[in-house]
Amino acid sequence: MREEQSAGGRIATFRKLRGWSQRKLADRAGVSYSLLTKVEAGHKPATPALISATARALDLDVSQITGQPYAPDTPTDEEVFQHIAVLRRELSAYDLPPTHDGQPKPLPYLRAAVSELAQLRHGVNLLKLGEKLPSVLQDLRLAAHVLQNNEREQIYGLLAETYAAAGQLAYKMGYTDLSSISTDRYQWAAAQSGDALAIHIGEYLRAGELMVAGDLSSAAALMDASLGRLEPQLADRRGDGWERSWAVWGNLHLKAALVVARSGRPDAKLSTWQHFEQAKDAADQIGYDRDDYRLFFGPTNVDIWSVGLAVELCDDAVAIEKAKRINLSDEAPKERRSHHFIDLARAHVWRNDPEGALRCLFQARDISPQHTRFHPQVRETTHALGRLERRSTASLRSFARWLGMDD
């Protein structure tokens, strides 16, 4: 595993090309000088917050530091990447009339197709998701130009959900520009869906894009504004839809917590856990796991986030302690379960526990191989393990080869 393949190695290279000292970059990026020097030297893995902040300071795209999209290493990888070009074309034609004649498929058929995409998304089956997305988007585009009134609004709701799935595929494959375009498309469709909560979800997704771009202040302001507009609706529990509002409210607080955790603000730890407690209260109010807008929310996801937020705050002791209390069932989406072990591996690296970190990486791979294979923090953790272990074990070498990383 060559050091120049790590995010820290790439940061050092770009910094030197600018003629900047480590101190200058740390000051420009608003990050810890001590952490930056350790990351560049390979002694600590680069956190998502550090990657975004240094990319912004250096006028780079995050993917230039993470090295994404990663070169395909297997025939299956190659197939996944091939679907990206087709998806990009369809996202570009989003509001144009279809070039083929025909009648739109019935609404029940389209709902079922979008539901299937959600299952592929939760299962991180990137190959099948990439294969099916363009044709579903084409079918929905035709329906949006033909159907009228309430049916058309429903189509726009389905379009928004499908754009979210496209954004997840693009993001996980490392195409940050395509992920951003998908979020724009989501907000465009949500605005025409007649669903006020879908607009909040669009803001949730946009905050994620702002975080990746290193604009944490705008992301925090967006989440605060979205929460402020939604809060008055929570008191109304008439009918069967109140849980949906609470689930969106909880998800917004989780995203707000993540934004603050990565901000480096003096009050980051306090504010992060305040947002988390609001999300936990929402999960307790609902009492069970839901999948509104394909954002899995409830007691299980809040538990997963409790570990992830502690990791983002570089509080490995809290992350590992919280993880001991979590018992993930197979009913939770694979994406969420694998993400939990990816985060937990990072905590073990911060604890200088290579055995525990590698065990977590294997657990993540067992749950969702494609998610684990393409996740940039998995590669950062693997690089760090190579530095921690005085002699790399056969298990670590095998895992690195599986990722497509050179020895």
Protein backbone atom coordinates (compact mmCIF):
# COMPACT_ATOMS: atom_id res chain seq x y z
CA MET A 1 0.00 0.00 0.00
CA ARG A 2 1.85 3.05 -1.25
CA GLU A 3 1.55 6.21 0.84
CA GLU A 4 0.82 8.40 -2.20
CA GLN A 5 -2.39 6.38 -2.69
CA SER A 6 -3.81 7.68 0.60
CA ALA A 7 -5.75 10.91 1.03
CA GLY A 8 -2.94 12.25 3.19
CA GLY A 9 -0.41 11.56 0.46
CA ARG A 10 -2.56 13.34 -2.13
CA ILE A 11 -3.11 16.32 0.19
CA ALA A 12 0.67 16.62 0.64
CA THR A 13 1.22 16.46 -3.12
CA PHE A 14 -1.34 19.16 -3.94
CA ARG A 15 -0.13 21.33 -1.06
CA LYS A 16 3.46 21.21 -2.34
CA LEU A 17 2.30 22.00 -5.88
CA ARG A 18 0.74 25.18 -4.43
CA GLY A 19 4.02 25.97 -2.67
CA TRP A 20 2.24 26.00 0.69
CA SER A 21 3.59 24.93 4.06
CA GLN A 22 1.60 22.58 6.26
CA ARG A 23 0.92 25.49 8.59
CA LYS A 24 -0.48 27.60 5.75
CA LEU A 25 -2.81 24.83 4.59
CA ALA A 26 -3.99 24.15 8.13
CA ASP A 27 -4.77 27.83 8.62
CA ARG A 28 -6.51 28.19 5.23
CA ALA A 29 -8.57 25.03 5.78
CA GLY A 30 -9.35 25.74 9.43
CA VAL A 31 -8.10 22.33 10.54
CA SER A 32 -5.75 21.16 13.28
CA TYR A 33 -2.11 21.58 12.26
CA SER A 34 -1.18 18.58 14.40
CA LEU A 35 -3.79 16.38 12.74
CA LEU A 36 -2.82 17.54 9.26
CA THR A 37 0.85 16.66 9.79
CA LYS A 38 -0.10 13.21 11.10
CA VAL A 39 -2.46 12.59 8.18
CA GLU A 40 0.13 13.62 5.59
CA ALA A 41 2.72 11.40 7.26
CA GLY A 42 0.30 8.47 7.26
CA HIS A 43 0.11 8.20 11.04
CA LYS A 44 -3.62 9.04 11.12
CA PRO A 45 -6.35 8.43 8.53
CA ALA A 46 -7.88 11.49 6.89
CA THR A 47 -11.35 12.17 8.25
CA PRO A 48 -14.19 13.26 5.93
CA ALA A 49 -14.10 16.70 7.60
CA LEU A 50 -10.37 17.11 6.94
CA ILE A 51 -10.72 15.92 3.34
CA SER A 52 -13.54 18.38 2.59
CA ALA A 53 -11.82 21.30 4.33
CA THR A 54 -8.46 20.81 2.62
CA ALA A 55 -10.11 20.25 -0.76
CA ARG A 56 -11.94 23.55 -0.43
CA ALA A 57 -8.79 25.39 0.68
CA LEU A 58 -6.83 23.95 -2.25
CA ASP A 59 -9.64 24.63 -4.76
CA LEU A 60 -10.01 20.94 -5.50
CA ASP A 61 -12.87 18.53 -5.83
CA VAL A 62 -13.06 16.07 -2.96
CA SER A 63 -12.63 13.20 -5.42
CA GLN A 64 -9.15 14.50 -6.29
CA ILE A 65 -8.11 13.82 -2.71
CA THR A 66 -9.95 10.54 -2.20
CA GLY A 67 -8.79 9.27 -5.60
CA GLN A 68 -12.34 8.49 -6.71
CA PRO A 69 -13.74 7.06 -8.82
CA TYR A 70 -11.53 4.07 -8.15
CA ALA A 71 -10.25 2.14 -11.14
CA PRO A 72 -12.37 -0.97 -11.78
CA ASP A 73 -10.54 -4.05 -10.57
CA THR A 74 -12.99 -6.79 -11.55
CA PRO A 75 -15.45 -7.42 -14.43
CA THR A 76 -18.30 -6.61 -12.03
CA ASP A 77 -16.70 -3.26 -11.16
CA GLU A 78 -16.37 -2.49 -14.86
CA GLU A 79 -20.07 -3.15 -15.44
CA VAL A 80 -21.06 -0.81 -12.62
CA PHE A 81 -18.94 2.00 -14.06
CA GLN A 82 -20.42 1.49 -17.54
CA HIS A 83 -23.91 2.29 -16.22
CA ILE A 84 -22.76 5.73 -15.05
CA ALA A 85 -22.49 7.13 -18.60
CA VAL A 86 -26.04 6.04 -19.45
CA LEU A 87 -27.34 7.52 -16.19
CA ARG A 88 -25.55 10.81 -16.87
CA ARG A 89 -27.34 11.14 -20.22
CA GLU A 90 -30.74 10.57 -18.67
CA LEU A 91 -30.12 13.09 -15.89
CA SER A 92 -29.18 15.65 -18.55
CA ALA A 93 -32.48 15.10 -20.41
CA TYR A 94 -34.56 15.30 -17.23
CA ASP A 95 -37.14 17.92 -18.35
CA LEU A 96 -37.24 17.22 -22.08
CA PRO A 97 -40.12 15.44 -23.80
CA PRO A 98 -39.28 11.80 -24.56
CA THR A 99 -38.01 11.10 -28.05
CA HIS A 100 -40.13 7.98 -28.43
CA ASP A 101 -43.89 7.64 -28.77
CA GLY A 102 -45.99 5.48 -26.54
CA GLN A 103 -48.30 5.38 -23.59
CA PRO A 104 -46.94 5.75 -20.05
CA LYS A 105 -46.82 2.68 -17.89
CA PRO A 106 -49.55 2.43 -15.21
CA LEU A 107 -48.91 4.10 -11.86
CA PRO A 108 -48.88 0.79 -9.91
CA TYR A 109 -46.19 -0.53 -12.26
CA LEU A 110 -44.09 2.63 -11.81
CA ARG A 111 -44.48 2.54 -8.02
CA ALA A 112 -43.32 -1.07 -7.98
CA ALA A 113 -40.32 -0.21 -10.16
CA VAL A 114 -39.29 2.66 -7.87
CA SER A 115 -39.80 0.44 -4.82
CA GLU A 116 -37.44 -2.11 -6.35
CA LEU A 117 -34.82 0.60 -6.79
CA ALA A 118 -35.18 1.44 -3.10
CA GLN A 119 -34.50 -2.17 -2.14
CA LEU A 120 -31.42 -2.26 -4.38
CA ARG A 121 -30.28 1.03 -2.84
CA HIS A 122 -30.70 -0.22 0.74
CA GLY A 123 -28.95 -3.45 -0.20
CA VAL A 124 -26.14 -1.52 -1.95
CA ASN A 125 -26.54 -3.66 -5.06
CA LEU A 126 -24.83 -1.06 -7.22
CA LEU A 127 -24.67 -3.24 -10.32
CA LYS A 128 -28.43 -3.87 -10.50
CA LEU A 129 -29.22 -0.32 -9.37
CA GLY A 130 -27.11 1.16 -12.18
CA GLU A 131 -28.64 -1.23 -14.68
CA LYS A 132 -32.25 -0.35 -13.84
CA LEU A 133 -32.10 3.38 -13.02
CA PRO A 134 -31.97 4.85 -16.55
CA SER A 135 -34.97 2.94 -17.87
CA VAL A 136 -37.08 3.79 -14.81
CA LEU A 137 -36.18 7.46 -15.22
CA GLN A 138 -37.18 7.29 -18.89
CA ASP A 139 -40.55 5.72 -18.01
CA LEU A 140 -41.20 8.39 -15.39
CA ARG A 141 -40.17 11.20 -17.77
CA LEU A 142 -42.71 9.98 -20.30
CA ALA A 143 -45.43 9.77 -17.65
CA ALA A 144 -44.63 13.29 -16.40
CA HIS A 145 -45.23 14.71 -19.89
CA VAL A 146 -48.47 12.80 -20.50
CA LEU A 147 -50.34 12.51 -17.19
CA GLN A 148 -52.20 15.41 -15.61
CA ASN A 149 -53.22 16.78 -12.21
CA ASN A 150 -52.89 14.45 -9.21
CA GLU A 151 -51.37 11.62 -11.21
CA ARG A 152 -48.69 13.96 -12.49
CA GLU A 153 -47.86 15.08 -8.95
CA GLN A 154 -47.48 11.44 -7.95
CA ILE A 155 -45.09 10.90 -10.86
CA TYR A 156 -42.96 13.82 -9.69
CA GLY A 157 -42.86 12.25 -6.23
CA LEU A 158 -41.61 9.02 -7.78
CA LEU A 159 -39.12 10.95 -9.89
CA ALA A 160 -37.74 12.63 -6.79
CA GLU A 161 -37.27 9.28 -5.09
CA THR A 162 -35.55 7.89 -8.18
CA TYR A 163 -33.20 10.87 -8.38
CA ALA A 164 -32.27 10.20 -4.76
CA ALA A 165 -31.38 6.63 -5.70
CA ALA A 166 -29.31 7.95 -8.60
CA GLY A 167 -27.51 10.29 -6.23
CA GLN A 168 -26.69 7.44 -3.89
CA LEU A 169 -25.26 5.37 -6.73
CA ALA A 170 -23.18 8.29 -8.01
CA TYR A 171 -21.90 9.20 -4.55
CA LYS A 172 -20.94 5.66 -3.62
CA MET A 173 -19.13 5.24 -6.93
CA GLY A 174 -17.21 8.47 -6.34
CA TYR A 175 -18.88 10.65 -8.98
CA THR A 176 -19.44 13.70 -6.78
CA ASP A 177 -20.47 15.92 -9.70
CA LEU A 178 -23.20 13.47 -10.73
CA SER A 179 -24.35 13.17 -7.12
CA SER A 180 -24.76 16.94 -6.98
CA ILE A 181 -26.73 16.96 -10.25
CA SER A 182 -29.01 14.22 -8.88
CA THR A 183 -29.72 16.33 -5.80
CA ASP A 184 -30.65 19.30 -8.01
CA ARG A 185 -32.99 17.02 -9.95
CA TYR A 186 -34.51 15.77 -6.69
CA GLN A 187 -35.29 19.31 -5.56
CA TRP A 188 -36.76 20.15 -8.97
CA ALA A 189 -39.08 17.12 -8.89
CA ALA A 190 -39.99 17.52 -5.21
CA ALA A 191 -41.12 21.12 -5.82
CA GLN A 192 -43.68 19.81 -8.35
CA SER A 193 -44.84 16.81 -6.32
CA GLY A 194 -47.24 18.64 -4.03
CA ASP A 195 -45.45 17.02 -1.07
CA ALA A 196 -44.08 19.59 1.39
CA LEU A 197 -42.06 16.96 3.28
CA ALA A 198 -40.27 15.96 0.08
CA ILE A 199 -38.94 19.53 -0.10
CA HIS A 200 -37.40 19.08 3.36
CA ILE A 201 -35.76 15.87 2.15
CA GLY A 202 -34.33 17.80 -0.78
CA GLU A 203 -32.77 20.20 1.71
CA TYR A 204 -31.42 17.24 3.68
CA LEU A 205 -29.73 15.97 0.51
CA ARG A 206 -28.44 19.42 -0.43
CA ALA A 207 -26.86 19.83 3.02
CA GLY A 208 -24.94 16.64 2.31
CA GLU A 209 -23.65 18.11 -0.96
CA LEU A 210 -22.60 21.30 0.84
CA MET A 211 -20.73 19.24 3.42
CA VAL A 212 -18.79 17.40 0.75
CA ALA A 213 -17.93 20.75 -0.83
CA GLY A 214 -16.62 21.97 2.53
CA ASP A 215 -19.30 24.66 2.99
CA LEU A 216 -20.37 23.64 6.48
CA SER A 217 -21.73 27.08 7.40
CA SER A 218 -24.24 27.00 4.54
CA ALA A 219 -25.15 23.40 5.34
CA ALA A 220 -25.83 24.29 8.98
CA ALA A 221 -27.91 27.32 8.00
CA LEU A 222 -29.93 25.22 5.56
CA MET A 223 -30.68 22.59 8.20
CA ASP A 224 -31.65 25.22 10.78
CA ALA A 225 -34.04 26.86 8.31
CA SER A 226 -35.57 23.53 7.30
CA LEU A 227 -36.06 22.47 10.92
CA GLY A 228 -37.59 25.85 11.75
CA ARG A 229 -40.21 25.49 9.02
CA LEU A 230 -41.07 21.91 9.93
CA GLU A 231 -41.34 22.27 13.71
CA PRO A 232 -44.83 23.86 13.81
CA GLN A 233 -46.24 20.82 12.00
CA LEU A 234 -45.17 18.34 14.67
CA ALA A 235 -47.95 19.22 17.11
CA ASP A 236 -50.67 17.94 14.75
CA ARG A 237 -51.08 14.19 15.29
CA ARG A 238 -54.40 13.80 13.59
CA GLY A 239 -54.61 11.00 11.05
CA ASP A 240 -52.00 8.40 10.16
CA GLY A 241 -49.31 10.65 8.71
CA TRP A 242 -47.83 12.27 11.81
CA GLU A 243 -45.07 9.65 12.06
CA ARG A 244 -43.80 10.69 8.64
CA SER A 245 -43.30 14.29 9.78
CA TRP A 246 -41.50 13.11 12.90
CA ALA A 247 -39.26 10.81 10.86
CA VAL A 248 -38.28 13.69 8.56
CA TRP A 249 -37.71 15.89 11.62
CA GLY A 250 -35.45 13.25 13.14
CA ASN A 251 -33.47 12.80 9.94
CA LEU A 252 -32.95 16.56 9.62
CA HIS A 253 -31.56 16.64 13.16
CA LEU A 254 -29.20 13.76 12.38
CA LYS A 255 -27.87 15.61 9.33
CA ALA A 256 -27.56 18.81 11.38
CA ALA A 257 -25.62 16.85 14.00
CA LEU A 258 -23.23 15.54 11.36
CA VAL A 259 -22.69 19.03 9.95
CA VAL A 260 -21.80 20.40 13.38
CA ALA A 261 -19.59 17.41 14.23
CA ARG A 262 -17.47 18.13 11.14
CA SER A 263 -17.42 21.90 11.66
CA GLY A 264 -14.63 22.13 14.23
CA ARG A 265 -16.65 24.77 16.10
CA PRO A 266 -15.82 25.25 19.80
CA ASP A 267 -19.31 24.04 20.70
CA ALA A 268 -19.25 21.17 18.21
CA LYS A 269 -19.49 18.34 20.72
CA LEU A 270 -22.31 19.93 22.74
CA SER A 271 -24.32 20.98 19.70
CA THR A 272 -23.85 17.61 17.97
CA TRP A 273 -25.31 15.69 20.87
CA GLN A 274 -28.13 18.24 21.30
CA HIS A 275 -29.23 17.57 17.72
CA PHE A 276 -28.80 13.85 18.32
CA GLU A 277 -31.08 13.95 21.37
CA GLN A 278 -33.77 15.65 19.29
CA ALA A 279 -33.48 12.85 16.72
CA LYS A 280 -33.59 10.23 19.48
CA ASP A 281 -36.74 11.83 20.88
CA ALA A 282 -38.33 11.63 17.42
CA ALA A 283 -37.42 7.94 17.16
CA ASP A 284 -38.85 7.32 20.63
CA GLN A 285 -42.05 9.16 19.71
CA ILE A 286 -42.48 6.90 16.67
CA GLY A 287 -41.34 3.77 18.49
CA TYR A 288 -40.35 1.65 15.49
CA ASP A 289 -38.24 1.78 12.33
CA ARG A 290 -39.76 3.41 9.23
CA ASP A 291 -38.58 4.02 5.67
CA ASP A 292 -40.21 7.30 4.70
CA TYR A 293 -38.66 8.80 1.57
CA ARG A 294 -36.28 5.81 1.63
CA LEU A 295 -34.43 7.33 4.59
CA PHE A 296 -34.48 4.52 7.13
CA PHE A 297 -35.34 6.12 10.48
CA GLY A 298 -36.23 4.89 13.93
CA PRO A 299 -34.54 3.53 17.07
CA THR A 300 -32.15 1.32 15.06
CA ASN A 301 -30.82 4.05 12.80
CA VAL A 302 -30.47 6.46 15.72
CA ASP A 303 -28.31 3.87 17.49
CA ILE A 304 -26.14 3.53 14.38
CA TRP A 305 -25.77 7.30 14.15
CA SER A 306 -24.73 7.52 17.81
CA VAL A 307 -21.57 5.59 16.94
CA GLY A 308 -20.95 7.44 13.68
CA LEU A 309 -21.27 10.87 15.30
CA ALA A 310 -18.82 9.91 18.05
CA VAL A 311 -16.36 8.84 15.36
CA GLU A 312 -16.83 12.14 13.51
CA LEU A 313 -15.98 13.90 16.78
CA CYS A 314 -12.85 11.70 17.00
CA ASP A 315 -14.17 10.34 20.31
CA ASP A 316 -13.20 6.69 19.85
CA ALA A 317 -13.90 5.70 23.47
CA VAL A 318 -17.51 6.90 23.28
CA ALA A 319 -18.00 5.28 19.86
CA ILE A 320 -16.77 1.88 21.02
CA GLU A 321 -18.76 2.05 24.25
CA LYS A 322 -21.98 2.96 22.41
CA ALA A 323 -21.38 0.16 19.90
CA LYS A 324 -21.40 -2.40 22.72
CA ARG A 325 -25.06 -1.59 23.38
CA ILE A 326 -26.18 -2.04 19.78
CA ASN A 327 -27.59 -5.30 18.49
CA LEU A 328 -28.29 -4.89 14.79
CA SER A 329 -30.94 -7.15 13.32
CA ASP A 330 -30.89 -8.41 9.75
CA GLU A 331 -34.03 -6.35 9.13
CA ALA A 332 -31.99 -3.13 9.10
CA PRO A 333 -30.82 -2.19 5.57
CA LYS A 334 -27.44 -3.59 4.60
CA GLU A 335 -26.23 -0.08 3.79
CA ARG A 336 -26.86 1.02 7.37
CA ARG A 337 -25.36 -2.09 8.95
CA SER A 338 -22.21 -2.04 6.84
CA HIS A 339 -21.82 1.70 7.44
CA HIS A 340 -21.91 1.01 11.18
CA PHE A 341 -18.93 -1.34 10.98
CA ILE A 342 -17.03 0.98 8.65
CA ASP A 343 -17.41 3.74 11.25
CA LEU A 344 -16.52 1.40 14.08
CA ALA A 345 -13.35 0.33 12.27
CA ARG A 346 -12.32 3.98 12.19
CA ALA A 347 -12.83 4.20 15.96
CA HIS A 348 -10.58 1.17 16.51
CA VAL A 349 -7.87 2.79 14.38
CA TRP A 350 -8.01 5.89 16.56
CA ARG A 351 -7.63 3.52 19.56
CA ASN A 352 -4.54 1.94 17.93
CA ASP A 353 -6.37 -1.38 17.80
CA PRO A 354 -5.59 -2.83 14.36
CA GLU A 355 -7.10 -6.22 15.15
CA GLY A 356 -10.43 -4.68 16.15
CA ALA A 357 -10.44 -2.39 13.11
CA LEU A 358 -9.74 -5.21 10.66
CA ARG A 359 -12.41 -7.36 12.27
CA CYS A 360 -14.94 -4.57 11.69
CA LEU A 361 -13.88 -4.16 8.06
CA PHE A 362 -14.44 -7.86 7.44
CA GLN A 363 -17.87 -7.59 9.09
CA ALA A 364 -18.74 -4.66 6.81
CA ARG A 365 -17.60 -6.67 3.78
CA ASP A 366 -19.64 -9.70 4.83
CA ILE A 367 -22.75 -7.52 5.05
CA SER A 368 -22.28 -5.47 1.87
CA PRO A 369 -19.24 -6.14 -0.32
CA GLN A 370 -19.95 -3.38 -2.87
CA HIS A 371 -20.54 -0.71 -0.22
CA THR A 372 -17.32 -1.65 1.52
CA ARG A 373 -15.29 -1.92 -1.66
CA PHE A 374 -16.06 1.60 -2.89
CA HIS A 375 -16.17 3.48 0.44
CA PRO A 376 -13.25 5.97 0.70
CA GLN A 377 -13.03 5.65 4.49
CA VAL A 378 -12.46 1.90 4.12
CA ARG A 379 -9.36 2.66 2.08
CA GLU A 380 -8.20 5.29 4.53
CA THR A 381 -8.64 2.84 7.39
CA THR A 382 -6.77 0.14 5.49
CA HIS A 383 -3.87 2.52 4.83
CA ALA A 384 -3.77 3.38 8.53
CA LEU A 385 -3.73 -0.31 9.45
CA GLY A 386 -0.74 -0.80 7.21
CA ARG A 387 1.07 1.84 9.27
CA LEU A 388 -0.12 0.48 12.62
CA GLU A 389 0.95 -3.11 12.04
CA ARG A 390 4.71 -3.47 12.18
CA ARG A 391 4.42 -6.46 9.88
CA SER A 392 1.27 -6.57 7.83
CA THR A 393 -0.73 -9.72 8.42
CA ALA A 394 -1.93 -12.05 5.71
CA SER A 395 -5.49 -10.97 6.52
CA LEU A 396 -4.68 -7.30 5.98
CA ARG A 397 -2.82 -8.00 2.75
CA SER A 398 -5.72 -10.11 1.51
CA PHE A 399 -8.23 -7.37 2.35
CA ALA A 400 -6.09 -4.70 0.65
CA ARG A 401 -5.83 -6.82 -2.50
CA TRP A 402 -9.59 -7.31 -2.48
CA LEU A 403 -9.99 -3.52 -2.41
CA GLY A 404 -7.66 -3.24 -5.41
CA MET A 405 -4.95 -1.51 -3.37
CA ASP A 406 -1.32 -2.26 -4.19
CA ASP A 407 0.83 -3.96 -1.58
